[in-house]
Amino acid sequence: MRPEVTVKENYEFRRIYRKGRSAVSPCMVVYCQKNRQGRSRLGVTVSTKLGHAVVRNKVRRRLREIYRLNREHMKPGYDVILVARVRAVHTPYRKLEKSYLAALRELDLLQEEEA
């Protein structure tokens, strides 16, 4: 993922946690806040509670891929942070994707389908 489409800085994470909206699922927490850039950015947080580096990186890769594949269905111009929970380690990919899409629906970040 290109650096300009990721949330990297600690102050940006803190701002989104403090001022953004959130949706909770058993596998992850999704935070979002509108930005002024016109394109969406992603930040992923995976705690050391989930396991060793290999496990954390696997969860991080899966969450980034879910975001990448569903990006065209999202409204543009939002900063999105995905915080993995312990259950995300053993959850199948399809269930992770369903919970991500459900969180986006709850936050009203999905575009309306054109008929």
PDB file of N, CA and C in Angstrom:
ATOM      1  N   MET A   1       0.852  -1.173   0.000  1.00  0.00           N
ATOM      2  CA  MET A   1       0.000   0.000   0.000  1.00  0.00           C
ATOM      3  C   MET A   1       0.899   1.239   0.000  1.00  0.00           C
ATOM      4  N   ARG A   2       0.542   2.213  -0.809  1.00  0.00           N
ATOM      5  CA  ARG A   2       1.357   3.422  -0.918  1.00  0.00           C
ATOM      6  C   ARG A   2       1.311   4.219   0.388  1.00  0.00           C
ATOM      7  N   PRO A   3       2.418   4.869   0.759  1.00  0.00           N
ATOM      8  CA  PRO A   3       2.461   5.610   2.022  1.00  0.00           C
ATOM      9  C   PRO A   3       1.430   6.726   2.126  1.00  0.00           C
ATOM     10  N   GLU A   4       1.056   7.338   1.001  1.00  0.00           N
ATOM     11  CA  GLU A   4       0.108   8.454   1.087  1.00  0.00           C
ATOM     12  C   GLU A   4      -1.314   8.001   1.395  1.00  0.00           C
ATOM     13  N   VAL A   5      -1.573   6.695   1.366  1.00  0.00           N
ATOM     14  CA  VAL A   5      -2.920   6.208   1.677  1.00  0.00           C
ATOM     15  C   VAL A   5      -2.957   5.473   3.017  1.00  0.00           C
ATOM     16  N   THR A   6      -1.957   5.713   3.861  1.00  0.00           N
ATOM     17  CA  THR A   6      -1.952   5.103   5.182  1.00  0.00           C
ATOM     18  C   THR A   6      -1.860   6.178   6.263  1.00  0.00           C
ATOM     19  N   VAL A   7      -2.448   5.884   7.402  1.00  0.00           N
ATOM     20  CA  VAL A   7      -2.325   6.740   8.581  1.00  0.00           C
ATOM     21  C   VAL A   7      -1.119   6.223   9.349  1.00  0.00           C
ATOM     22  N   LYS A   8      -0.119   7.058   9.530  1.00  0.00           N
ATOM     23  CA  LYS A   8       1.130   6.613  10.145  1.00  0.00           C
ATOM     24  C   LYS A   8       1.420   7.273  11.492  1.00  0.00           C
ATOM     25  N   GLU A   9       1.144   8.551  11.584  1.00  0.00           N
ATOM     26  CA  GLU A   9       1.596   9.322  12.737  1.00  0.00           C
ATOM     27  C   GLU A   9       0.715   9.104  13.965  1.00  0.00           C
ATOM     28  N   ASN A  10       1.358   9.101  15.115  1.00  0.00           N
ATOM     29  CA  ASN A  10       0.668   8.868  16.381  1.00  0.00           C
ATOM     30  C   ASN A  10      -0.402   9.927  16.635  1.00  0.00           C
ATOM     31  N   TYR A  11      -0.123  11.196  16.312  1.00  0.00           N
ATOM     32  CA  TYR A  11      -1.111  12.249  16.559  1.00  0.00           C
ATOM     33  C   TYR A  11      -2.358  12.048  15.699  1.00  0.00           C
ATOM     34  N   GLU A  12      -2.187  11.475  14.497  1.00  0.00           N
ATOM     35  CA  GLU A  12      -3.350  11.201  13.647  1.00  0.00           C
ATOM     36  C   GLU A  12      -4.216  10.088  14.263  1.00  0.00           C
ATOM     37  N   PHE A  13      -3.578   9.033  14.758  1.00  0.00           N
ATOM     38  CA  PHE A  13      -4.316   7.963  15.421  1.00  0.00           C
ATOM     39  C   PHE A  13      -5.078   8.513  16.622  1.00  0.00           C
ATOM     40  N   ARG A  14      -4.400   9.305  17.447  1.00  0.00           N
ATOM     41  CA  ARG A  14      -5.050   9.859  18.645  1.00  0.00           C
ATOM     42  C   ARG A  14      -6.234  10.747  18.278  1.00  0.00           C
ATOM     43  N   ARG A  15      -6.083  11.557  17.222  1.00  0.00           N
ATOM     44  CA  ARG A  15      -7.164  12.444  16.785  1.00  0.00           C
ATOM     45  C   ARG A  15      -8.380  11.620  16.342  1.00  0.00           C
ATOM     46  N   ILE A  16      -8.148  10.553  15.582  1.00  0.00           N
ATOM     47  CA  ILE A  16      -9.259   9.731  15.093  1.00  0.00           C
ATOM     48  C   ILE A  16      -9.920   8.976  16.238  1.00  0.00           C
ATOM     49  N   TYR A  17      -9.121   8.473  17.184  1.00  0.00           N
ATOM     50  CA  TYR A  17      -9.702   7.797  18.353  1.00  0.00           C
ATOM     51  C   TYR A  17     -10.575   8.764  19.142  1.00  0.00           C
ATOM     52  N   ARG A  18     -10.102  10.002  19.302  1.00  0.00           N
ATOM     53  CA  ARG A  18     -10.792  10.970  20.154  1.00  0.00           C
ATOM     54  C   ARG A  18     -12.023  11.565  19.475  1.00  0.00           C
ATOM     55  N   LYS A  19     -11.888  11.970  18.216  1.00  0.00           N
ATOM     56  CA  LYS A  19     -12.967  12.718  17.564  1.00  0.00           C
ATOM     57  C   LYS A  19     -13.788  11.898  16.581  1.00  0.00           C
ATOM     58  N   GLY A  20     -13.304  10.719  16.211  1.00  0.00           N
ATOM     59  CA  GLY A  20     -13.993   9.924  15.195  1.00  0.00           C
ATOM     60  C   GLY A  20     -15.130   9.099  15.761  1.00  0.00           C
ATOM     61  N   ARG A  21     -15.828   8.419  14.842  1.00  0.00           N
ATOM     62  CA  ARG A  21     -16.903   7.506  15.231  1.00  0.00           C
ATOM     63  C   ARG A  21     -16.354   6.089  15.214  1.00  0.00           C
ATOM     64  N   SER A  22     -17.026   5.168  15.917  1.00  0.00           N
ATOM     65  CA  SER A  22     -16.520   3.796  15.974  1.00  0.00           C
ATOM     66  C   SER A  22     -17.662   2.798  15.874  1.00  0.00           C
ATOM     67  N   ALA A  23     -17.296   1.610  15.386  1.00  0.00           N
ATOM     68  CA  ALA A  23     -18.211   0.477  15.338  1.00  0.00           C
ATOM     69  C   ALA A  23     -17.441  -0.732  15.845  1.00  0.00           C
ATOM     70  N   VAL A  24     -18.112  -1.569  16.633  1.00  0.00           N
ATOM     71  CA  VAL A  24     -17.450  -2.681  17.305  1.00  0.00           C
ATOM     72  C   VAL A  24     -18.006  -4.002  16.800  1.00  0.00           C
ATOM     73  N   SER A  25     -17.109  -4.953  16.578  1.00  0.00           N
ATOM     74  CA  SER A  25     -17.505  -6.331  16.281  1.00  0.00           C
ATOM     75  C   SER A  25     -16.627  -7.228  17.148  1.00  0.00           C
ATOM     76  N   PRO A  26     -16.928  -8.520  17.222  1.00  0.00           N
ATOM     77  CA  PRO A  26     -16.103  -9.403  18.057  1.00  0.00           C
ATOM     78  C   PRO A  26     -14.646  -9.500  17.582  1.00  0.00           C
ATOM     79  N   CYS A  27     -14.395  -9.266  16.306  1.00  0.00           N
ATOM     80  CA  CYS A  27     -13.054  -9.432  15.745  1.00  0.00           C
ATOM     81  C   CYS A  27     -12.261  -8.147  15.651  1.00  0.00           C
ATOM     82  N   MET A  28     -12.954  -7.011  15.550  1.00  0.00           N
ATOM     83  CA  MET A  28     -12.243  -5.752  15.334  1.00  0.00           C
ATOM     84  C   MET A  28     -13.087  -4.571  15.760  1.00  0.00           C
ATOM     85  N   VAL A  29     -12.407  -3.440  15.907  1.00  0.00           N
ATOM     86  CA  VAL A  29     -13.062  -2.161  16.132  1.00  0.00           C
ATOM     87  C   VAL A  29     -12.673  -1.269  14.963  1.00  0.00           C
ATOM     88  N   VAL A  30     -13.660  -0.594  14.373  1.00  0.00           N
ATOM     89  CA  VAL A  30     -13.404   0.288  13.240  1.00  0.00           C
ATOM     90  C   VAL A  30     -13.675   1.720  13.683  1.00  0.00           C
ATOM     91  N   TYR A  31     -12.663   2.582  13.557  1.00  0.00           N
ATOM     92  CA  TYR A  31     -12.800   4.002  13.833  1.00  0.00           C
ATOM     93  C   TYR A  31     -12.742   4.739  12.503  1.00  0.00           C
ATOM     94  N   CYS A  32     -13.515   5.799  12.357  1.00  0.00           N
ATOM     95  CA  CYS A  32     -13.445   6.579  11.126  1.00  0.00           C
ATOM     96  C   CYS A  32     -13.666   8.048  11.434  1.00  0.00           C
ATOM     97  N   GLN A  33     -13.082   8.872  10.572  1.00  0.00           N
ATOM     98  CA  GLN A  33     -13.284  10.311  10.648  1.00  0.00           C
ATOM     99  C   GLN A  33     -13.085  10.887   9.262  1.00  0.00           C
ATOM    100  N   LYS A  34     -13.910  11.847   8.899  1.00  0.00           N
ATOM    101  CA  LYS A  34     -13.801  12.489   7.592  1.00  0.00           C
ATOM    102  C   LYS A  34     -12.494  13.283   7.545  1.00  0.00           C
ATOM    103  N   ASN A  35     -11.810  13.203   6.394  1.00  0.00           N
ATOM    104  CA  ASN A  35     -10.612  14.015   6.212  1.00  0.00           C
ATOM    105  C   ASN A  35     -10.837  15.001   5.081  1.00  0.00           C
ATOM    106  N   ARG A  36      -9.889  15.896   4.877  1.00  0.00           N
ATOM    107  CA  ARG A  36     -10.039  16.932   3.856  1.00  0.00           C
ATOM    108  C   ARG A  36      -9.262  16.605   2.593  1.00  0.00           C
ATOM    109  N   GLN A  37      -8.791  15.379   2.468  1.00  0.00           N
ATOM    110  CA  GLN A  37      -7.923  15.022   1.353  1.00  0.00           C
ATOM    111  C   GLN A  37      -8.682  14.484   0.150  1.00  0.00           C
ATOM    112  N   GLY A  38      -9.925  14.094   0.312  1.00  0.00           N
ATOM    113  CA  GLY A  38     -10.691  13.589  -0.804  1.00  0.00           C
ATOM    114  C   GLY A  38     -10.446  12.119  -1.112  1.00  0.00           C
ATOM    115  N   ARG A  39      -9.535  11.479  -0.398  1.00  0.00           N
ATOM    116  CA  ARG A  39      -9.309  10.045  -0.572  1.00  0.00           C
ATOM    117  C   ARG A  39      -9.200   9.405   0.812  1.00  0.00           C
ATOM    118  N   SER A  40      -9.531   8.139   0.867  1.00  0.00           N
ATOM    119  CA  SER A  40      -9.522   7.433   2.147  1.00  0.00           C
ATOM    120  C   SER A  40      -8.120   6.942   2.485  1.00  0.00           C
ATOM    121  N   ARG A  41      -7.848   6.885   3.782  1.00  0.00           N
ATOM    122  CA  ARG A  41      -6.571   6.362   4.270  1.00  0.00           C
ATOM    123  C   ARG A  41      -6.852   5.295   5.316  1.00  0.00           C
ATOM    124  N   LEU A  42      -5.926   4.360   5.461  1.00  0.00           N
ATOM    125  CA  LEU A  42      -6.090   3.244   6.386  1.00  0.00           C
ATOM    126  C   LEU A  42      -4.977   3.232   7.416  1.00  0.00           C
ATOM    127  N   GLY A  43      -5.342   2.924   8.652  1.00  0.00           N
ATOM    128  CA  GLY A  43      -4.390   2.647   9.715  1.00  0.00           C
ATOM    129  C   GLY A  43      -4.793   1.340  10.370  1.00  0.00           C
ATOM    130  N   VAL A  44      -3.822   0.502  10.698  1.00  0.00           N
ATOM    131  CA  VAL A  44      -4.106  -0.791  11.313  1.00  0.00           C
ATOM    132  C   VAL A  44      -3.336  -0.872  12.622  1.00  0.00           C
ATOM    133  N   THR A  45      -4.025  -1.290  13.679  1.00  0.00           N
ATOM    134  CA  THR A  45      -3.402  -1.469  14.989  1.00  0.00           C
ATOM    135  C   THR A  45      -3.611  -2.910  15.427  1.00  0.00           C
ATOM    136  N   VAL A  46      -2.500  -3.572  15.765  1.00  0.00           N
ATOM    137  CA  VAL A  46      -2.555  -4.961  16.233  1.00  0.00           C
ATOM    138  C   VAL A  46      -1.710  -5.035  17.501  1.00  0.00           C
ATOM    139  N   SER A  47      -2.332  -5.377  18.605  1.00  0.00           N
ATOM    140  CA  SER A  47      -1.669  -5.421  19.904  1.00  0.00           C
ATOM    141  C   SER A  47      -0.782  -6.651  20.037  1.00  0.00           C
ATOM    142  N   THR A  48       0.189  -6.573  20.920  1.00  0.00           N
ATOM    143  CA  THR A  48       1.043  -7.729  21.196  1.00  0.00           C
ATOM    144  C   THR A  48       0.273  -8.828  21.924  1.00  0.00           C
ATOM    145  N   LYS A  49      -0.926  -8.522  22.419  1.00  0.00           N
ATOM    146  CA  LYS A  49      -1.756  -9.537  23.063  1.00  0.00           C
ATOM    147  C   LYS A  49      -2.172 -10.627  22.085  1.00  0.00           C
ATOM    148  N   LEU A  50      -2.156 -10.327  20.795  1.00  0.00           N
ATOM    149  CA  LEU A  50      -2.607 -11.282  19.789  1.00  0.00           C
ATOM    150  C   LEU A  50      -1.618 -12.414  19.576  1.00  0.00           C
ATOM    151  N   GLY A  51      -0.361 -12.180  19.847  1.00  0.00           N
ATOM    152  CA  GLY A  51       0.630 -13.227  19.663  1.00  0.00           C
ATOM    153  C   GLY A  51       1.964 -12.657  19.229  1.00  0.00           C
ATOM    154  N   HIS A  52       2.818 -13.552  18.738  1.00  0.00           N
ATOM    155  CA  HIS A  52       4.144 -13.141  18.282  1.00  0.00           C
ATOM    156  C   HIS A  52       4.048 -12.397  16.959  1.00  0.00           C
ATOM    157  N   ALA A  53       5.180 -11.923  16.463  1.00  0.00           N
ATOM    158  CA  ALA A  53       5.215 -11.076  15.279  1.00  0.00           C
ATOM    159  C   ALA A  53       4.587 -11.741  14.055  1.00  0.00           C
ATOM    160  N   VAL A  54       4.796 -13.034  13.890  1.00  0.00           N
ATOM    161  CA  VAL A  54       4.243 -13.727  12.730  1.00  0.00           C
ATOM    162  C   VAL A  54       2.716 -13.676  12.750  1.00  0.00           C
ATOM    163  N   VAL A  55       2.145 -13.900  13.909  1.00  0.00           N
ATOM    164  CA  VAL A  55       0.684 -13.890  14.057  1.00  0.00           C
ATOM    165  C   VAL A  55       0.154 -12.479  13.835  1.00  0.00           C
ATOM    166  N   ARG A  56       0.799 -11.489  14.444  1.00  0.00           N
ATOM    167  CA  ARG A  56       0.349 -10.102  14.299  1.00  0.00           C
ATOM    168  C   ARG A  56       0.437  -9.646  12.845  1.00  0.00           C
ATOM    169  N   ASN A  57       1.513 -10.002  12.169  1.00  0.00           N
ATOM    170  CA  ASN A  57       1.666  -9.606  10.765  1.00  0.00           C
ATOM    171  C   ASN A  57       0.628 -10.273   9.876  1.00  0.00           C
ATOM    172  N   LYS A  58       0.275 -11.506  10.178  1.00  0.00           N
ATOM    173  CA  LYS A  58      -0.754 -12.205   9.397  1.00  0.00           C
ATOM    174  C   LYS A  58      -2.094 -11.486   9.529  1.00  0.00           C
ATOM    175  N   VAL A  59      -2.452 -11.126  10.759  1.00  0.00           N
ATOM    176  CA  VAL A  59      -3.710 -10.418  10.996  1.00  0.00           C
ATOM    177  C   VAL A  59      -3.670  -9.061  10.295  1.00  0.00           C
ATOM    178  N   ARG A  60      -2.541  -8.367  10.385  1.00  0.00           N
ATOM    179  CA  ARG A  60      -2.383  -7.061   9.740  1.00  0.00           C
ATOM    180  C   ARG A  60      -2.544  -7.171   8.229  1.00  0.00           C
ATOM    181  N   ARG A  61      -1.942  -8.177   7.621  1.00  0.00           N
ATOM    182  CA  ARG A  61      -2.059  -8.385   6.168  1.00  0.00           C
ATOM    183  C   ARG A  61      -3.501  -8.675   5.762  1.00  0.00           C
ATOM    184  N   ARG A  62      -4.195  -9.503   6.544  1.00  0.00           N
ATOM    185  CA  ARG A  62      -5.581  -9.831   6.227  1.00  0.00           C
ATOM    186  C   ARG A  62      -6.472  -8.591   6.293  1.00  0.00           C
ATOM    187  N   LEU A  63      -6.292  -7.763   7.312  1.00  0.00           N
ATOM    188  CA  LEU A  63      -7.107  -6.560   7.450  1.00  0.00           C
ATOM    189  C   LEU A  63      -6.829  -5.572   6.313  1.00  0.00           C
ATOM    190  N   ARG A  64      -5.569  -5.418   5.942  1.00  0.00           N
ATOM    191  CA  ARG A  64      -5.238  -4.530   4.815  1.00  0.00           C
ATOM    192  C   ARG A  64      -5.845  -5.025   3.513  1.00  0.00           C
ATOM    193  N   GLU A  65      -5.845  -6.336   3.308  1.00  0.00           N
ATOM    194  CA  GLU A  65      -6.413  -6.909   2.091  1.00  0.00           C
ATOM    195  C   GLU A  65      -7.930  -6.727   2.060  1.00  0.00           C
ATOM    196  N   ILE A  66      -8.585  -6.914   3.188  1.00  0.00           N
ATOM    197  CA  ILE A  66     -10.033  -6.696   3.260  1.00  0.00           C
ATOM    198  C   ILE A  66     -10.349  -5.250   2.905  1.00  0.00           C
ATOM    199  N   TYR A  67      -9.580  -4.319   3.437  1.00  0.00           N
ATOM    200  CA  TYR A  67      -9.773  -2.903   3.115  1.00  0.00           C
ATOM    201  C   TYR A  67      -9.556  -2.657   1.626  1.00  0.00           C
ATOM    202  N   ARG A  68      -8.480  -3.193   1.070  1.00  0.00           N
ATOM    203  CA  ARG A  68      -8.136  -2.970  -0.333  1.00  0.00           C
ATOM    204  C   ARG A  68      -9.231  -3.475  -1.270  1.00  0.00           C
ATOM    205  N   LEU A  69      -9.742  -4.667  -0.993  1.00  0.00           N
ATOM    206  CA  LEU A  69     -10.750  -5.256  -1.879  1.00  0.00           C
ATOM    207  C   LEU A  69     -12.112  -4.567  -1.783  1.00  0.00           C
ATOM    208  N   ASN A  70     -12.396  -3.910  -0.683  1.00  0.00           N
ATOM    209  CA  ASN A  70     -13.693  -3.262  -0.496  1.00  0.00           C
ATOM    210  C   ASN A  70     -13.625  -1.740  -0.589  1.00  0.00           C
ATOM    211  N   ARG A  71     -12.470  -1.210  -0.957  1.00  0.00           N
ATOM    212  CA  ARG A  71     -12.276   0.246  -1.002  1.00  0.00           C
ATOM    213  C   ARG A  71     -13.216   0.932  -2.006  1.00  0.00           C
ATOM    214  N   GLU A  72     -13.484   0.284  -3.149  1.00  0.00           N
ATOM    215  CA  GLU A  72     -14.338   0.926  -4.157  1.00  0.00           C
ATOM    216  C   GLU A  72     -15.800   1.003  -3.721  1.00  0.00           C
ATOM    217  N   HIS A  73     -16.197   0.239  -2.700  1.00  0.00           N
ATOM    218  CA  HIS A  73     -17.570   0.284  -2.198  1.00  0.00           C
ATOM    219  C   HIS A  73     -17.742   1.343  -1.108  1.00  0.00           C
ATOM    220  N   MET A  74     -16.627   1.936  -0.675  1.00  0.00           N
ATOM    221  CA  MET A  74     -16.666   2.919   0.413  1.00  0.00           C
ATOM    222  C   MET A  74     -16.826   4.333  -0.120  1.00  0.00           C
ATOM    223  N   LYS A  75     -17.370   5.193   0.725  1.00  0.00           N
ATOM    224  CA  LYS A  75     -17.395   6.617   0.405  1.00  0.00           C
ATOM    225  C   LYS A  75     -15.968   7.149   0.529  1.00  0.00           C
ATOM    226  N   PRO A  76     -15.512   7.982  -0.416  1.00  0.00           N
ATOM    227  CA  PRO A  76     -14.146   8.500  -0.352  1.00  0.00           C
ATOM    228  C   PRO A  76     -14.002   9.612   0.679  1.00  0.00           C
ATOM    229  N   GLY A  77     -12.765   9.845   1.101  1.00  0.00           N
ATOM    230  CA  GLY A  77     -12.479  10.973   1.979  1.00  0.00           C
ATOM    231  C   GLY A  77     -12.559  10.686   3.462  1.00  0.00           C
ATOM    232  N   TYR A  78     -12.290   9.446   3.869  1.00  0.00           N
ATOM    233  CA  TYR A  78     -12.336   9.094   5.289  1.00  0.00           C
ATOM    234  C   TYR A  78     -11.019   8.466   5.730  1.00  0.00           C
ATOM    235  N   ASP A  79     -10.621   8.772   6.957  1.00  0.00           N
ATOM    236  CA  ASP A  79      -9.526   8.055   7.607  1.00  0.00           C
ATOM    237  C   ASP A  79     -10.154   6.906   8.379  1.00  0.00           C
ATOM    238  N   VAL A  80      -9.678   5.691   8.139  1.00  0.00           N
ATOM    239  CA  VAL A  80     -10.233   4.496   8.775  1.00  0.00           C
ATOM    240  C   VAL A  80      -9.122   3.813   9.553  1.00  0.00           C
ATOM    241  N   ILE A  81      -9.393   3.482  10.796  1.00  0.00           N
ATOM    242  CA  ILE A  81      -8.448   2.723  11.615  1.00  0.00           C
ATOM    243  C   ILE A  81      -9.113   1.414  11.999  1.00  0.00           C
ATOM    244  N   LEU A  82      -8.407   0.319  11.760  1.00  0.00           N
ATOM    245  CA  LEU A  82      -8.874  -1.006  12.149  1.00  0.00           C
ATOM    246  C   LEU A  82      -8.034  -1.469  13.334  1.00  0.00           C
ATOM    247  N   VAL A  83      -8.701  -1.784  14.425  1.00  0.00           N
ATOM    248  CA  VAL A  83      -8.019  -2.301  15.614  1.00  0.00           C
ATOM    249  C   VAL A  83      -8.416  -3.758  15.756  1.00  0.00           C
ATOM    250  N   ALA A  84      -7.441  -4.643  15.607  1.00  0.00           N
ATOM    251  CA  ALA A  84      -7.708  -6.082  15.683  1.00  0.00           C
ATOM    252  C   ALA A  84      -7.909  -6.488  17.137  1.00  0.00           C
ATOM    253  N   ARG A  85      -8.871  -7.386  17.354  1.00  0.00           N
ATOM    254  CA  ARG A  85      -9.087  -7.974  18.670  1.00  0.00           C
ATOM    255  C   ARG A  85      -8.541  -9.396  18.672  1.00  0.00           C
ATOM    256  N   VAL A  86      -8.447  -9.994  19.839  1.00  0.00           N
ATOM    257  CA  VAL A  86      -7.838 -11.319  19.982  1.00  0.00           C
ATOM    258  C   VAL A  86      -8.549 -12.359  19.111  1.00  0.00           C
ATOM    259  N   ARG A  87      -9.857 -12.253  18.988  1.00  0.00           N
ATOM    260  CA  ARG A  87     -10.605 -13.220  18.177  1.00  0.00           C
ATOM    261  C   ARG A  87     -10.218 -13.197  16.697  1.00  0.00           C
ATOM    262  N   ALA A  88      -9.651 -12.104  16.221  1.00  0.00           N
ATOM    263  CA  ALA A  88      -9.291 -11.983  14.800  1.00  0.00           C
ATOM    264  C   ALA A  88      -8.236 -13.006  14.396  1.00  0.00           C
ATOM    265  N   VAL A  89      -7.468 -13.509  15.355  1.00  0.00           N
ATOM    266  CA  VAL A  89      -6.407 -14.472  15.042  1.00  0.00           C
ATOM    267  C   VAL A  89      -6.993 -15.767  14.501  1.00  0.00           C
ATOM    268  N   HIS A  90      -8.070 -16.249  15.099  1.00  0.00           N
ATOM    269  CA  HIS A  90      -8.629 -17.549  14.731  1.00  0.00           C
ATOM    270  C   HIS A  90      -9.879 -17.447  13.862  1.00  0.00           C
ATOM    271  N   THR A  91     -10.279 -16.234  13.500  1.00  0.00           N
ATOM    272  CA  THR A  91     -11.480 -16.053  12.694  1.00  0.00           C
ATOM    273  C   THR A  91     -11.158 -16.260  11.222  1.00  0.00           C
ATOM    274  N   PRO A  92     -11.985 -17.020  10.499  1.00  0.00           N
ATOM    275  CA  PRO A  92     -11.754 -17.198   9.058  1.00  0.00           C
ATOM    276  C   PRO A  92     -11.862 -15.872   8.308  1.00  0.00           C
ATOM    277  N   TYR A  93     -11.183 -15.801   7.178  1.00  0.00           N
ATOM    278  CA  TYR A  93     -11.113 -14.574   6.379  1.00  0.00           C
ATOM    279  C   TYR A  93     -12.507 -14.052   6.023  1.00  0.00           C
ATOM    280  N   ARG A  94     -13.390 -14.921   5.554  1.00  0.00           N
ATOM    281  CA  ARG A  94     -14.730 -14.489   5.125  1.00  0.00           C
ATOM    282  C   ARG A  94     -15.523 -13.871   6.275  1.00  0.00           C
ATOM    283  N   LYS A  95     -15.370 -14.420   7.463  1.00  0.00           N
ATOM    284  CA  LYS A  95     -16.083 -13.871   8.618  1.00  0.00           C
ATOM    285  C   LYS A  95     -15.498 -12.503   9.013  1.00  0.00           C
ATOM    286  N   LEU A  96     -14.178 -12.365   8.891  1.00  0.00           N
ATOM    287  CA  LEU A  96     -13.554 -11.059   9.138  1.00  0.00           C
ATOM    288  C   LEU A  96     -14.101 -10.021   8.159  1.00  0.00           C
ATOM    289  N   GLU A  97     -14.212 -10.424   6.897  1.00  0.00           N
ATOM    290  CA  GLU A  97     -14.706  -9.504   5.874  1.00  0.00           C
ATOM    291  C   GLU A  97     -16.160  -9.115   6.149  1.00  0.00           C
ATOM    292  N   LYS A  98     -16.979 -10.081   6.554  1.00  0.00           N
ATOM    293  CA  LYS A  98     -18.385  -9.780   6.867  1.00  0.00           C
ATOM    294  C   LYS A  98     -18.497  -8.815   8.038  1.00  0.00           C
ATOM    295  N   SER A  99     -17.679  -9.017   9.061  1.00  0.00           N
ATOM    296  CA  SER A  99     -17.757  -8.114  10.219  1.00  0.00           C
ATOM    297  C   SER A  99     -17.248  -6.721   9.854  1.00  0.00           C
ATOM    298  N   TYR A 100     -16.260  -6.637   8.952  1.00  0.00           N
ATOM    299  CA  TYR A 100     -15.761  -5.339   8.481  1.00  0.00           C
ATOM    300  C   TYR A 100     -16.868  -4.602   7.723  1.00  0.00           C
ATOM    301  N   LEU A 101     -17.539  -5.302   6.803  1.00  0.00           N
ATOM    302  CA  LEU A 101     -18.611  -4.676   6.028  1.00  0.00           C
ATOM    303  C   LEU A 101     -19.785  -4.272   6.914  1.00  0.00           C
ATOM    304  N   ALA A 102     -20.088  -5.080   7.920  1.00  0.00           N
ATOM    305  CA  ALA A 102     -21.155  -4.729   8.862  1.00  0.00           C
ATOM    306  C   ALA A 102     -20.797  -3.454   9.632  1.00  0.00           C
ATOM    307  N   ALA A 103     -19.534  -3.331  10.027  1.00  0.00           N
ATOM    308  CA  ALA A 103     -19.086  -2.123  10.733  1.00  0.00           C
ATOM    309  C   ALA A 103     -19.181  -0.901   9.820  1.00  0.00           C
ATOM    310  N   LEU A 104     -18.815  -1.061   8.542  1.00  0.00           N
ATOM    311  CA  LEU A 104     -18.927   0.054   7.595  1.00  0.00           C
ATOM    312  C   LEU A 104     -20.383   0.470   7.411  1.00  0.00           C
ATOM    313  N   ARG A 105     -21.285  -0.515   7.346  1.00  0.00           N
ATOM    314  CA  ARG A 105     -22.709  -0.199   7.230  1.00  0.00           C
ATOM    315  C   ARG A 105     -23.182   0.587   8.454  1.00  0.00           C
ATOM    316  N   GLU A 106     -22.741   0.152   9.612  1.00  0.00           N
ATOM    317  CA  GLU A 106     -23.131   0.825  10.859  1.00  0.00           C
ATOM    318  C   GLU A 106     -22.639   2.268  10.877  1.00  0.00           C
ATOM    319  N   LEU A 107     -21.447   2.506  10.323  1.00  0.00           N
ATOM    320  CA  LEU A 107     -20.872   3.852  10.277  1.00  0.00           C
ATOM    321  C   LEU A 107     -21.331   4.648   9.056  1.00  0.00           C
ATOM    322  N   ASP A 108     -22.156   4.039   8.217  1.00  0.00           N
ATOM    323  CA  ASP A 108     -22.670   4.663   6.992  1.00  0.00           C
ATOM    324  C   ASP A 108     -21.531   5.089   6.061  1.00  0.00           C
ATOM    325  N   LEU A 109     -20.576   4.192   5.876  1.00  0.00           N
ATOM    326  CA  LEU A 109     -19.448   4.464   4.993  1.00  0.00           C
ATOM    327  C   LEU A 109     -19.554   3.749   3.639  1.00  0.00           C
ATOM    328  N   LEU A 110     -20.566   2.929   3.468  1.00  0.00           N
ATOM    329  CA  LEU A 110     -20.726   2.242   2.192  1.00  0.00           C
ATOM    330  C   LEU A 110     -21.544   3.096   1.241  1.00  0.00           C
ATOM    331  N   GLN A 111     -21.136   3.123  -0.026  1.00  0.00           N
ATOM    332  CA  GLN A 111     -21.882   3.865  -1.037  1.00  0.00           C
ATOM    333  C   GLN A 111     -23.154   3.109  -1.374  1.00  0.00           C
ATOM    334  N   GLU A 112     -24.167   3.864  -1.764  1.00  0.00           N
ATOM    335  CA  GLU A 112     -25.416   3.241  -2.181  1.00  0.00           C
ATOM    336  C   GLU A 112     -25.201   2.594  -3.547  1.00  0.00           C
ATOM    337  N   GLU A 113     -25.737   1.393  -3.720  1.00  0.00           N
ATOM    338  CA  GLU A 113     -25.623   0.701  -5.003  1.00  0.00           C
ATOM    339  C   GLU A 113     -26.546   1.357  -6.014  1.00  0.00           C
ATOM    340  N   GLU A 114     -26.031   1.582  -7.221  1.00  0.00           N
ATOM    341  CA  GLU A 114     -26.861   2.172  -8.285  1.00  0.00           C
ATOM    342  C   GLU A 114     -27.600   1.055  -9.010  1.00  0.00           C
ATOM    343  N   ALA A 115     -28.902   1.223  -9.170  1.00  0.00           N
ATOM    344  CA  ALA A 115     -29.720   0.187  -9.811  1.00  0.00           C
ATOM    345  C   ALA A 115     -29.780   0.363 -11.311  1.00  0.00           C
TER     346      ALA A 115
END
